[in-house]
Amino acid sequence: MDDSLKQLMHDLGNAINDSLSESDRIAEAIGEIRRNGFDVFLVLEATIGFNRREDSENSSSDGDQQPALVSAGKVKFTAQDERFLKALKITATAE
């Protein structure tokens, strides 16, 4: 992966983090959880696919190209994390 793509991915990660941090809905939900006597730990994992576009004369018309997937890494859930996700009706699956 070239350095410019790495920088763009880093910028995208920062933009996502900034929007989550600035979200009034998320802040309200976290505040409500804290007011109910709980600590909040929020860990998100994103998988982002990239597929280099080709010139129209070089691209195949069969459409079988697969995007390159880039994972931010593995996440380890504690029992508390799993209970929290279950309460939010979020299913976390192991690969």
PDB file of N, CA and C in Angstrom:
ATOM      1  N   MET A   1       0.851  -1.165   0.000  1.00  0.00           N
ATOM      2  CA  MET A   1       0.000   0.000   0.000  1.00  0.00           C
ATOM      3  C   MET A   1       0.903   1.235   0.000  1.00  0.00           C
ATOM      4  N   ASP A   2       0.609   2.178  -0.877  1.00  0.00           N
ATOM      5  CA  ASP A   2       1.486   3.348  -0.953  1.00  0.00           C
ATOM      6  C   ASP A   2       1.197   4.358   0.161  1.00  0.00           C
ATOM      7  N   ASP A   3       2.155   5.245   0.378  1.00  0.00           N
ATOM      8  CA  ASP A   3       2.071   6.203   1.486  1.00  0.00           C
ATOM      9  C   ASP A   3       0.882   7.156   1.353  1.00  0.00           C
ATOM     10  N   SER A   4       0.546   7.541   0.115  1.00  0.00           N
ATOM     11  CA  SER A   4      -0.580   8.471  -0.053  1.00  0.00           C
ATOM     12  C   SER A   4      -1.895   7.804   0.354  1.00  0.00           C
ATOM     13  N   LEU A   5      -2.060   6.510   0.046  1.00  0.00           N
ATOM     14  CA  LEU A   5      -3.269   5.796   0.462  1.00  0.00           C
ATOM     15  C   LEU A   5      -3.301   5.637   1.979  1.00  0.00           C
ATOM     16  N   LYS A   6      -2.152   5.370   2.583  1.00  0.00           N
ATOM     17  CA  LYS A   6      -2.084   5.275   4.047  1.00  0.00           C
ATOM     18  C   LYS A   6      -2.505   6.592   4.690  1.00  0.00           C
ATOM     19  N   GLN A   7      -2.046   7.711   4.125  1.00  0.00           N
ATOM     20  CA  GLN A   7      -2.415   9.021   4.661  1.00  0.00           C
ATOM     21  C   GLN A   7      -3.909   9.270   4.492  1.00  0.00           C
ATOM     22  N   LEU A   8      -4.457   8.901   3.339  1.00  0.00           N
ATOM     23  CA  LEU A   8      -5.892   9.065   3.122  1.00  0.00           C
ATOM     24  C   LEU A   8      -6.697   8.215   4.101  1.00  0.00           C
ATOM     25  N   MET A   9      -6.241   6.992   4.375  1.00  0.00           N
ATOM     26  CA  MET A   9      -6.915   6.128   5.345  1.00  0.00           C
ATOM     27  C   MET A   9      -6.849   6.742   6.741  1.00  0.00           C
ATOM     28  N   HIS A  10      -5.698   7.287   7.087  1.00  0.00           N
ATOM     29  CA  HIS A  10      -5.524   7.947   8.376  1.00  0.00           C
ATOM     30  C   HIS A  10      -6.478   9.139   8.494  1.00  0.00           C
ATOM     31  N   ASP A  11      -6.578   9.930   7.426  1.00  0.00           N
ATOM     32  CA  ASP A  11      -7.487  11.082   7.407  1.00  0.00           C
ATOM     33  C   ASP A  11      -8.935  10.630   7.565  1.00  0.00           C
ATOM     34  N   LEU A  12      -9.298   9.536   6.900  1.00  0.00           N
ATOM     35  CA  LEU A  12     -10.652   9.000   7.012  1.00  0.00           C
ATOM     36  C   LEU A  12     -10.931   8.564   8.447  1.00  0.00           C
ATOM     37  N   GLY A  13      -9.982   7.882   9.074  1.00  0.00           N
ATOM     38  CA  GLY A  13     -10.128   7.467  10.461  1.00  0.00           C
ATOM     39  C   GLY A  13     -10.324   8.655  11.382  1.00  0.00           C
ATOM     40  N   ASN A  14      -9.552   9.710  11.168  1.00  0.00           N
ATOM     41  CA  ASN A  14      -9.702  10.927  11.981  1.00  0.00           C
ATOM     42  C   ASN A  14     -11.070  11.572  11.763  1.00  0.00           C
ATOM     43  N   ALA A  15     -11.535  11.584  10.513  1.00  0.00           N
ATOM     44  CA  ALA A  15     -12.839  12.181  10.219  1.00  0.00           C
ATOM     45  C   ALA A  15     -13.961  11.399  10.903  1.00  0.00           C
ATOM     46  N   ILE A  16     -13.874  10.070  10.875  1.00  0.00           N
ATOM     47  CA  ILE A  16     -14.877   9.235  11.541  1.00  0.00           C
ATOM     48  C   ILE A  16     -14.839   9.481  13.040  1.00  0.00           C
ATOM     49  N   ASN A  17     -13.647   9.492  13.613  1.00  0.00           N
ATOM     50  CA  ASN A  17     -13.500   9.738  15.048  1.00  0.00           C
ATOM     51  C   ASN A  17     -14.058  11.111  15.437  1.00  0.00           C
ATOM     52  N   ASP A  18     -13.754  12.130  14.640  1.00  0.00           N
ATOM     53  CA  ASP A  18     -14.256  13.476  14.921  1.00  0.00           C
ATOM     54  C   ASP A  18     -15.780  13.508  14.880  1.00  0.00           C
ATOM     55  N   SER A  19     -16.385  12.849  13.872  1.00  0.00           N
ATOM     56  CA  SER A  19     -17.843  12.895  13.799  1.00  0.00           C
ATOM     57  C   SER A  19     -18.497  12.161  14.945  1.00  0.00           C
ATOM     58  N   LEU A  20     -17.897  11.070  15.396  1.00  0.00           N
ATOM     59  CA  LEU A  20     -18.448  10.368  16.560  1.00  0.00           C
ATOM     60  C   LEU A  20     -18.297  11.225  17.814  1.00  0.00           C
ATOM     61  N   SER A  21     -17.141  11.862  17.954  1.00  0.00           N
ATOM     62  CA  SER A  21     -16.884  12.691  19.131  1.00  0.00           C
ATOM     63  C   SER A  21     -17.813  13.898  19.198  1.00  0.00           C
ATOM     64  N   GLU A  22     -18.208  14.410  18.042  1.00  0.00           N
ATOM     65  CA  GLU A  22     -19.040  15.610  17.990  1.00  0.00           C
ATOM     66  C   GLU A  22     -20.533  15.305  17.933  1.00  0.00           C
ATOM     67  N   SER A  23     -20.901  14.041  17.943  1.00  0.00           N
ATOM     68  CA  SER A  23     -22.305  13.665  17.820  1.00  0.00           C
ATOM     69  C   SER A  23     -23.057  13.919  19.123  1.00  0.00           C
ATOM     70  N   ASP A  24     -24.080  14.755  19.049  1.00  0.00           N
ATOM     71  CA  ASP A  24     -24.908  15.024  20.218  1.00  0.00           C
ATOM     72  C   ASP A  24     -25.668  13.779  20.665  1.00  0.00           C
ATOM     73  N   ARG A  25     -26.138  12.979  19.714  1.00  0.00           N
ATOM     74  CA  ARG A  25     -26.878  11.758  20.063  1.00  0.00           C
ATOM     75  C   ARG A  25     -26.000  10.787  20.833  1.00  0.00           C
ATOM     76  N   ILE A  26     -24.765  10.608  20.375  1.00  0.00           N
ATOM     77  CA  ILE A  26     -23.851   9.694  21.071  1.00  0.00           C
ATOM     78  C   ILE A  26     -23.519  10.241  22.449  1.00  0.00           C
ATOM     79  N   ALA A  27     -23.244  11.540  22.540  1.00  0.00           N
ATOM     80  CA  ALA A  27     -22.927  12.153  23.837  1.00  0.00           C
ATOM     81  C   ALA A  27     -24.103  12.007  24.808  1.00  0.00           C
ATOM     82  N   GLU A  28     -25.315  12.199  24.327  1.00  0.00           N
ATOM     83  CA  GLU A  28     -26.494  12.050  25.179  1.00  0.00           C
ATOM     84  C   GLU A  28     -26.643  10.607  25.663  1.00  0.00           C
ATOM     85  N   ALA A  29     -26.474   9.652  24.751  1.00  0.00           N
ATOM     86  CA  ALA A  29     -26.616   8.239  25.121  1.00  0.00           C
ATOM     87  C   ALA A  29     -25.556   7.836  26.147  1.00  0.00           C
ATOM     88  N   ILE A  30     -24.326   8.265  25.920  1.00  0.00           N
ATOM     89  CA  ILE A  30     -23.249   7.958  26.867  1.00  0.00           C
ATOM     90  C   ILE A  30     -23.507   8.642  28.204  1.00  0.00           C
ATOM     91  N   GLY A  31     -23.978   9.880  28.175  1.00  0.00           N
ATOM     92  CA  GLY A  31     -24.300  10.595  29.401  1.00  0.00           C
ATOM     93  C   GLY A  31     -25.387   9.888  30.195  1.00  0.00           C
ATOM     94  N   GLU A  32     -26.401   9.397  29.509  1.00  0.00           N
ATOM     95  CA  GLU A  32     -27.487   8.680  30.179  1.00  0.00           C
ATOM     96  C   GLU A  32     -26.982   7.390  30.819  1.00  0.00           C
ATOM     97  N   ILE A  33     -26.123   6.687  30.135  1.00  0.00           N
ATOM     98  CA  ILE A  33     -25.547   5.458  30.693  1.00  0.00           C
ATOM     99  C   ILE A  33     -24.741   5.792  31.941  1.00  0.00           C
ATOM    100  N   ARG A  34     -23.950   6.852  31.883  1.00  0.00           N
ATOM    101  CA  ARG A  34     -23.151   7.266  33.047  1.00  0.00           C
ATOM    102  C   ARG A  34     -24.030   7.716  34.212  1.00  0.00           C
ATOM    103  N   ARG A  35     -25.108   8.428  33.900  1.00  0.00           N
ATOM    104  CA  ARG A  35     -26.028   8.856  34.953  1.00  0.00           C
ATOM    105  C   ARG A  35     -26.677   7.667  35.658  1.00  0.00           C
ATOM    106  N   ASN A  36     -26.747   6.558  34.965  1.00  0.00           N
ATOM    107  CA  ASN A  36     -27.302   5.339  35.545  1.00  0.00           C
ATOM    108  C   ASN A  36     -26.241   4.513  36.269  1.00  0.00           C
ATOM    109  N   GLY A  37     -25.048   5.094  36.457  1.00  0.00           N
ATOM    110  CA  GLY A  37     -24.022   4.457  37.274  1.00  0.00           C
ATOM    111  C   GLY A  37     -23.083   3.509  36.554  1.00  0.00           C
ATOM    112  N   PHE A  38     -22.977   3.627  35.244  1.00  0.00           N
ATOM    113  CA  PHE A  38     -22.114   2.733  34.481  1.00  0.00           C
ATOM    114  C   PHE A  38     -20.984   3.505  33.814  1.00  0.00           C
ATOM    115  N   ASP A  39     -19.835   2.850  33.679  1.00  0.00           N
ATOM    116  CA  ASP A  39     -18.756   3.380  32.852  1.00  0.00           C
ATOM    117  C   ASP A  39     -19.013   2.932  31.420  1.00  0.00           C
ATOM    118  N   VAL A  40     -18.569   3.727  30.479  1.00  0.00           N
ATOM    119  CA  VAL A  40     -18.806   3.411  29.072  1.00  0.00           C
ATOM    120  C   VAL A  40     -17.473   3.227  28.368  1.00  0.00           C
ATOM    121  N   PHE A  41     -17.352   2.137  27.654  1.00  0.00           N
ATOM    122  CA  PHE A  41     -16.188   1.864  26.815  1.00  0.00           C
ATOM    123  C   PHE A  41     -16.711   1.610  25.415  1.00  0.00           C
ATOM    124  N   LEU A  42     -16.340   2.445  24.490  1.00  0.00           N
ATOM    125  CA  LEU A  42     -16.816   2.315  23.120  1.00  0.00           C
ATOM    126  C   LEU A  42     -15.635   2.009  22.213  1.00  0.00           C
ATOM    127  N   VAL A  43     -15.673   0.830  21.605  1.00  0.00           N
ATOM    128  CA  VAL A  43     -14.632   0.425  20.680  1.00  0.00           C
ATOM    129  C   VAL A  43     -15.323   0.023  19.382  1.00  0.00           C
ATOM    130  N   LEU A  44     -14.945   0.655  18.306  1.00  0.00           N
ATOM    131  CA  LEU A  44     -15.519   0.342  17.003  1.00  0.00           C
ATOM    132  C   LEU A  44     -14.426  -0.174  16.081  1.00  0.00           C
ATOM    133  N   GLU A  45     -14.787  -1.123  15.256  1.00  0.00           N
ATOM    134  CA  GLU A  45     -13.860  -1.630  14.257  1.00  0.00           C
ATOM    135  C   GLU A  45     -14.483  -1.394  12.892  1.00  0.00           C
ATOM    136  N   ALA A  46     -13.696  -0.889  11.994  1.00  0.00           N
ATOM    137  CA  ALA A  46     -14.197  -0.635  10.646  1.00  0.00           C
ATOM    138  C   ALA A  46     -13.347  -1.395   9.645  1.00  0.00           C
ATOM    139  N   THR A  47     -14.003  -1.992   8.687  1.00  0.00           N
ATOM    140  CA  THR A  47     -13.317  -2.602   7.561  1.00  0.00           C
ATOM    141  C   THR A  47     -13.682  -1.789   6.338  1.00  0.00           C
ATOM    142  N   ILE A  48     -12.678  -1.284   5.679  1.00  0.00           N
ATOM    143  CA  ILE A  48     -12.895  -0.397   4.544  1.00  0.00           C
ATOM    144  C   ILE A  48     -12.323  -1.064   3.300  1.00  0.00           C
ATOM    145  N   GLY A  49     -13.100  -1.112   2.243  1.00  0.00           N
ATOM    146  CA  GLY A  49     -12.654  -1.736   0.998  1.00  0.00           C
ATOM    147  C   GLY A  49     -12.179  -0.693   0.006  1.00  0.00           C
ATOM    148  N   PHE A  50     -11.112  -1.023  -0.681  1.00  0.00           N
ATOM    149  CA  PHE A  50     -10.587  -0.147  -1.721  1.00  0.00           C
ATOM    150  C   PHE A  50     -10.483  -0.954  -3.007  1.00  0.00           C
ATOM    151  N   ASN A  51     -10.841  -0.323  -4.087  1.00  0.00           N
ATOM    152  CA  ASN A  51     -10.744  -0.956  -5.389  1.00  0.00           C
ATOM    153  C   ASN A  51     -10.266   0.105  -6.359  1.00  0.00           C
ATOM    154  N   ARG A  52      -9.052  -0.068  -6.868  1.00  0.00           N
ATOM    155  CA  ARG A  52      -8.515   0.938  -7.792  1.00  0.00           C
ATOM    156  C   ARG A  52      -9.343   0.946  -9.072  1.00  0.00           C
ATOM    157  N   ARG A  53      -9.760   2.138  -9.464  1.00  0.00           N
ATOM    158  CA  ARG A  53     -10.524   2.283 -10.701  1.00  0.00           C
ATOM    159  C   ARG A  53      -9.566   2.210 -11.881  1.00  0.00           C
ATOM    160  N   GLU A  54      -9.995   1.554 -12.903  1.00  0.00           N
ATOM    161  CA  GLU A  54      -9.210   1.425 -14.129  1.00  0.00           C
ATOM    162  C   GLU A  54      -9.836   2.310 -15.197  1.00  0.00           C
ATOM    163  N   ASP A  55      -9.046   2.649 -16.227  1.00  0.00           N
ATOM    164  CA  ASP A  55      -9.609   3.341 -17.383  1.00  0.00           C
ATOM    165  C   ASP A  55     -10.665   2.451 -18.000  1.00  0.00           C
ATOM    166  N   SER A  56     -11.665   3.022 -18.636  1.00  0.00           N
ATOM    167  CA  SER A  56     -12.765   2.235 -19.183  1.00  0.00           C
ATOM    168  C   SER A  56     -12.281   1.223 -20.216  1.00  0.00           C
ATOM    169  N   GLU A  57     -11.217   1.531 -20.960  1.00  0.00           N
ATOM    170  CA  GLU A  57     -10.732   0.577 -21.949  1.00  0.00           C
ATOM    171  C   GLU A  57      -9.928  -0.558 -21.319  1.00  0.00           C
ATOM    172  N   ASN A  58      -9.398  -0.367 -20.105  1.00  0.00           N
ATOM    173  CA  ASN A  58      -8.624  -1.399 -19.434  1.00  0.00           C
ATOM    174  C   ASN A  58      -9.453  -2.243 -18.476  1.00  0.00           C
ATOM    175  N   SER A  59     -10.630  -1.763 -18.093  1.00  0.00           N
ATOM    176  CA  SER A  59     -11.411  -2.500 -17.106  1.00  0.00           C
ATOM    177  C   SER A  59     -12.206  -3.601 -17.783  1.00  0.00           C
ATOM    178  N   SER A  60     -12.382  -4.699 -17.051  1.00  0.00           N
ATOM    179  CA  SER A  60     -13.146  -5.812 -17.609  1.00  0.00           C
ATOM    180  C   SER A  60     -14.622  -5.524 -17.427  1.00  0.00           C
ATOM    181  N   SER A  61     -15.433  -6.037 -18.314  1.00  0.00           N
ATOM    182  CA  SER A  61     -16.864  -5.791 -18.246  1.00  0.00           C
ATOM    183  C   SER A  61     -17.578  -6.844 -17.430  1.00  0.00           C
ATOM    184  N   ASP A  62     -16.858  -7.878 -16.937  1.00  0.00           N
ATOM    185  CA  ASP A  62     -17.544  -8.934 -16.203  1.00  0.00           C
ATOM    186  C   ASP A  62     -17.784  -8.564 -14.745  1.00  0.00           C
ATOM    187  N   GLY A  63     -17.176  -7.494 -14.226  1.00  0.00           N
ATOM    188  CA  GLY A  63     -17.480  -6.997 -12.896  1.00  0.00           C
ATOM    189  C   GLY A  63     -17.098  -7.925 -11.761  1.00  0.00           C
ATOM    190  N   ASP A  64     -16.085  -8.786 -11.952  1.00  0.00           N
ATOM    191  CA  ASP A  64     -15.740  -9.733 -10.897  1.00  0.00           C
ATOM    192  C   ASP A  64     -14.573  -9.269 -10.040  1.00  0.00           C
ATOM    193  N   GLN A  65     -14.185  -8.002 -10.150  1.00  0.00           N
ATOM    194  CA  GLN A  65     -13.102  -7.509  -9.318  1.00  0.00           C
ATOM    195  C   GLN A  65     -13.574  -7.406  -7.879  1.00  0.00           C
ATOM    196  N   GLN A  66     -12.716  -7.784  -6.941  1.00  0.00           N
ATOM    197  CA  GLN A  66     -13.020  -7.698  -5.525  1.00  0.00           C
ATOM    198  C   GLN A  66     -12.221  -6.554  -4.911  1.00  0.00           C
ATOM    199  N   PRO A  67     -12.850  -5.775  -4.028  1.00  0.00           N
ATOM    200  CA  PRO A  67     -12.104  -4.697  -3.383  1.00  0.00           C
ATOM    201  C   PRO A  67     -11.074  -5.260  -2.411  1.00  0.00           C
ATOM    202  N   ALA A  68      -9.986  -4.520  -2.223  1.00  0.00           N
ATOM    203  CA  ALA A  68      -8.991  -4.901  -1.224  1.00  0.00           C
ATOM    204  C   ALA A  68      -9.516  -4.457   0.129  1.00  0.00           C
ATOM    205  N   LEU A  69      -9.630  -5.381   1.071  1.00  0.00           N
ATOM    206  CA  LEU A  69     -10.155  -5.054   2.386  1.00  0.00           C
ATOM    207  C   LEU A  69      -9.005  -4.762   3.333  1.00  0.00           C
ATOM    208  N   VAL A  70      -9.174  -3.714   4.118  1.00  0.00           N
ATOM    209  CA  VAL A  70      -8.168  -3.324   5.097  1.00  0.00           C
ATOM    210  C   VAL A  70      -8.840  -3.281   6.453  1.00  0.00           C
ATOM    211  N   SER A  71      -8.329  -4.047   7.384  1.00  0.00           N
ATOM    212  CA  SER A  71      -8.907  -4.085   8.722  1.00  0.00           C
ATOM    213  C   SER A  71      -8.078  -3.225   9.657  1.00  0.00           C
ATOM    214  N   ALA A  72      -8.745  -2.585  10.599  1.00  0.00           N
ATOM    215  CA  ALA A  72      -8.055  -1.762  11.587  1.00  0.00           C
ATOM    216  C   ALA A  72      -7.382  -2.622  12.648  1.00  0.00           C
ATOM    217  N   GLY A  73      -7.662  -3.907  12.669  1.00  0.00           N
ATOM    218  CA  GLY A  73      -7.042  -4.796  13.644  1.00  0.00           C
ATOM    219  C   GLY A  73      -8.065  -5.665  14.345  1.00  0.00           C
ATOM    220  N   LYS A  74      -7.584  -6.495  15.253  1.00  0.00           N
ATOM    221  CA  LYS A  74      -8.449  -7.389  16.023  1.00  0.00           C
ATOM    222  C   LYS A  74      -8.923  -6.687  17.281  1.00  0.00           C
ATOM    223  N   VAL A  75     -10.121  -7.028  17.694  1.00  0.00           N
ATOM    224  CA  VAL A  75     -10.686  -6.476  18.918  1.00  0.00           C
ATOM    225  C   VAL A  75     -10.961  -7.625  19.866  1.00  0.00           C
ATOM    226  N   LYS A  76     -10.554  -7.468  21.122  1.00  0.00           N
ATOM    227  CA  LYS A  76     -10.836  -8.468  22.140  1.00  0.00           C
ATOM    228  C   LYS A  76     -11.924  -7.917  23.047  1.00  0.00           C
ATOM    229  N   PHE A  77     -13.029  -8.674  23.177  1.00  0.00           N
ATOM    230  CA  PHE A  77     -14.142  -8.249  24.008  1.00  0.00           C
ATOM    231  C   PHE A  77     -14.065  -8.902  25.374  1.00  0.00           C
ATOM    232  N   THR A  78     -14.308  -8.121  26.396  1.00  0.00           N
ATOM    233  CA  THR A  78     -14.447  -8.666  27.743  1.00  0.00           C
ATOM    234  C   THR A  78     -15.896  -9.121  27.908  1.00  0.00           C
ATOM    235  N   ALA A  79     -16.175  -9.842  28.988  1.00  0.00           N
ATOM    236  CA  ALA A  79     -17.547 -10.258  29.261  1.00  0.00           C
ATOM    237  C   ALA A  79     -18.449  -9.035  29.398  1.00  0.00           C
ATOM    238  N   GLN A  80     -17.910  -7.958  29.993  1.00  0.00           N
ATOM    239  CA  GLN A  80     -18.678  -6.716  30.144  1.00  0.00           C
ATOM    240  C   GLN A  80     -18.994  -6.121  28.776  1.00  0.00           C
ATOM    241  N   ASP A  81     -18.036  -6.154  27.869  1.00  0.00           N
ATOM    242  CA  ASP A  81     -18.262  -5.651  26.514  1.00  0.00           C
ATOM    243  C   ASP A  81     -19.390  -6.425  25.839  1.00  0.00           C
ATOM    244  N   GLU A  82     -19.346  -7.747  25.969  1.00  0.00           N
ATOM    245  CA  GLU A  82     -20.356  -8.593  25.327  1.00  0.00           C
ATOM    246  C   GLU A  82     -21.745  -8.330  25.902  1.00  0.00           C
ATOM    247  N   ARG A  83     -21.841  -8.134  27.208  1.00  0.00           N
ATOM    248  CA  ARG A  83     -23.142  -7.821  27.825  1.00  0.00           C
ATOM    249  C   ARG A  83     -23.659  -6.476  27.315  1.00  0.00           C
ATOM    250  N   PHE A  84     -22.762  -5.508  27.213  1.00  0.00           N
ATOM    251  CA  PHE A  84     -23.141  -4.184  26.728  1.00  0.00           C
ATOM    252  C   PHE A  84     -23.657  -4.254  25.290  1.00  0.00           C
ATOM    253  N   LEU A  85     -22.918  -4.939  24.436  1.00  0.00           N
ATOM    254  CA  LEU A  85     -23.337  -5.074  23.040  1.00  0.00           C
ATOM    255  C   LEU A  85     -24.667  -5.812  22.935  1.00  0.00           C
ATOM    256  N   LYS A  86     -24.820  -6.856  23.747  1.00  0.00           N
ATOM    257  CA  LYS A  86     -26.073  -7.619  23.738  1.00  0.00           C
ATOM    258  C   LYS A  86     -27.235  -6.729  24.158  1.00  0.00           C
ATOM    259  N   ALA A  87     -27.012  -5.870  25.153  1.00  0.00           N
ATOM    260  CA  ALA A  87     -28.059  -4.944  25.589  1.00  0.00           C
ATOM    261  C   ALA A  87     -28.453  -3.985  24.470  1.00  0.00           C
ATOM    262  N   LEU A  88     -27.513  -3.654  23.600  1.00  0.00           N
ATOM    263  CA  LEU A  88     -27.779  -2.785  22.461  1.00  0.00           C
ATOM    264  C   LEU A  88     -28.262  -3.566  21.236  1.00  0.00           C
ATOM    265  N   LYS A  89     -28.405  -4.886  21.438  1.00  0.00           N
ATOM    266  CA  LYS A  89     -28.835  -5.794  20.349  1.00  0.00           C
ATOM    267  C   LYS A  89     -27.834  -5.785  19.188  1.00  0.00           C
ATOM    268  N   ILE A  90     -26.551  -5.776  19.563  1.00  0.00           N
ATOM    269  CA  ILE A  90     -25.462  -5.847  18.589  1.00  0.00           C
ATOM    270  C   ILE A  90     -24.789  -7.194  18.765  1.00  0.00           C
ATOM    271  N   THR A  91     -24.635  -7.922  17.675  1.00  0.00           N
ATOM    272  CA  THR A  91     -23.987  -9.215  17.715  1.00  0.00           C
ATOM    273  C   THR A  91     -22.554  -9.086  17.220  1.00  0.00           C
ATOM    274  N   ALA A  92     -21.622  -9.538  18.020  1.00  0.00           N
ATOM    275  CA  ALA A  92     -20.214  -9.540  17.635  1.00  0.00           C
ATOM    276  C   ALA A  92     -19.835 -10.968  17.319  1.00  0.00           C
ATOM    277  N   THR A  93     -19.288 -11.197  16.144  1.00  0.00           N
ATOM    278  CA  THR A  93     -18.905 -12.548  15.761  1.00  0.00           C
ATOM    279  C   THR A  93     -17.402 -12.648  15.647  1.00  0.00           C
ATOM    280  N   ALA A  94     -16.870 -13.774  16.046  1.00  0.00           N
ATOM    281  CA  ALA A  94     -15.436 -14.035  15.917  1.00  0.00           C
ATOM    282  C   ALA A  94     -15.177 -14.593  14.532  1.00  0.00           C
ATOM    283  N   GLU A  95     -14.029 -14.257  13.988  1.00  0.00           N
ATOM    284  CA  GLU A  95     -13.678 -14.756  12.653  1.00  0.00           C
ATOM    285  C   GLU A  95     -12.778 -15.956  12.772  1.00  0.00           C
TER     286      GLU A  95
END
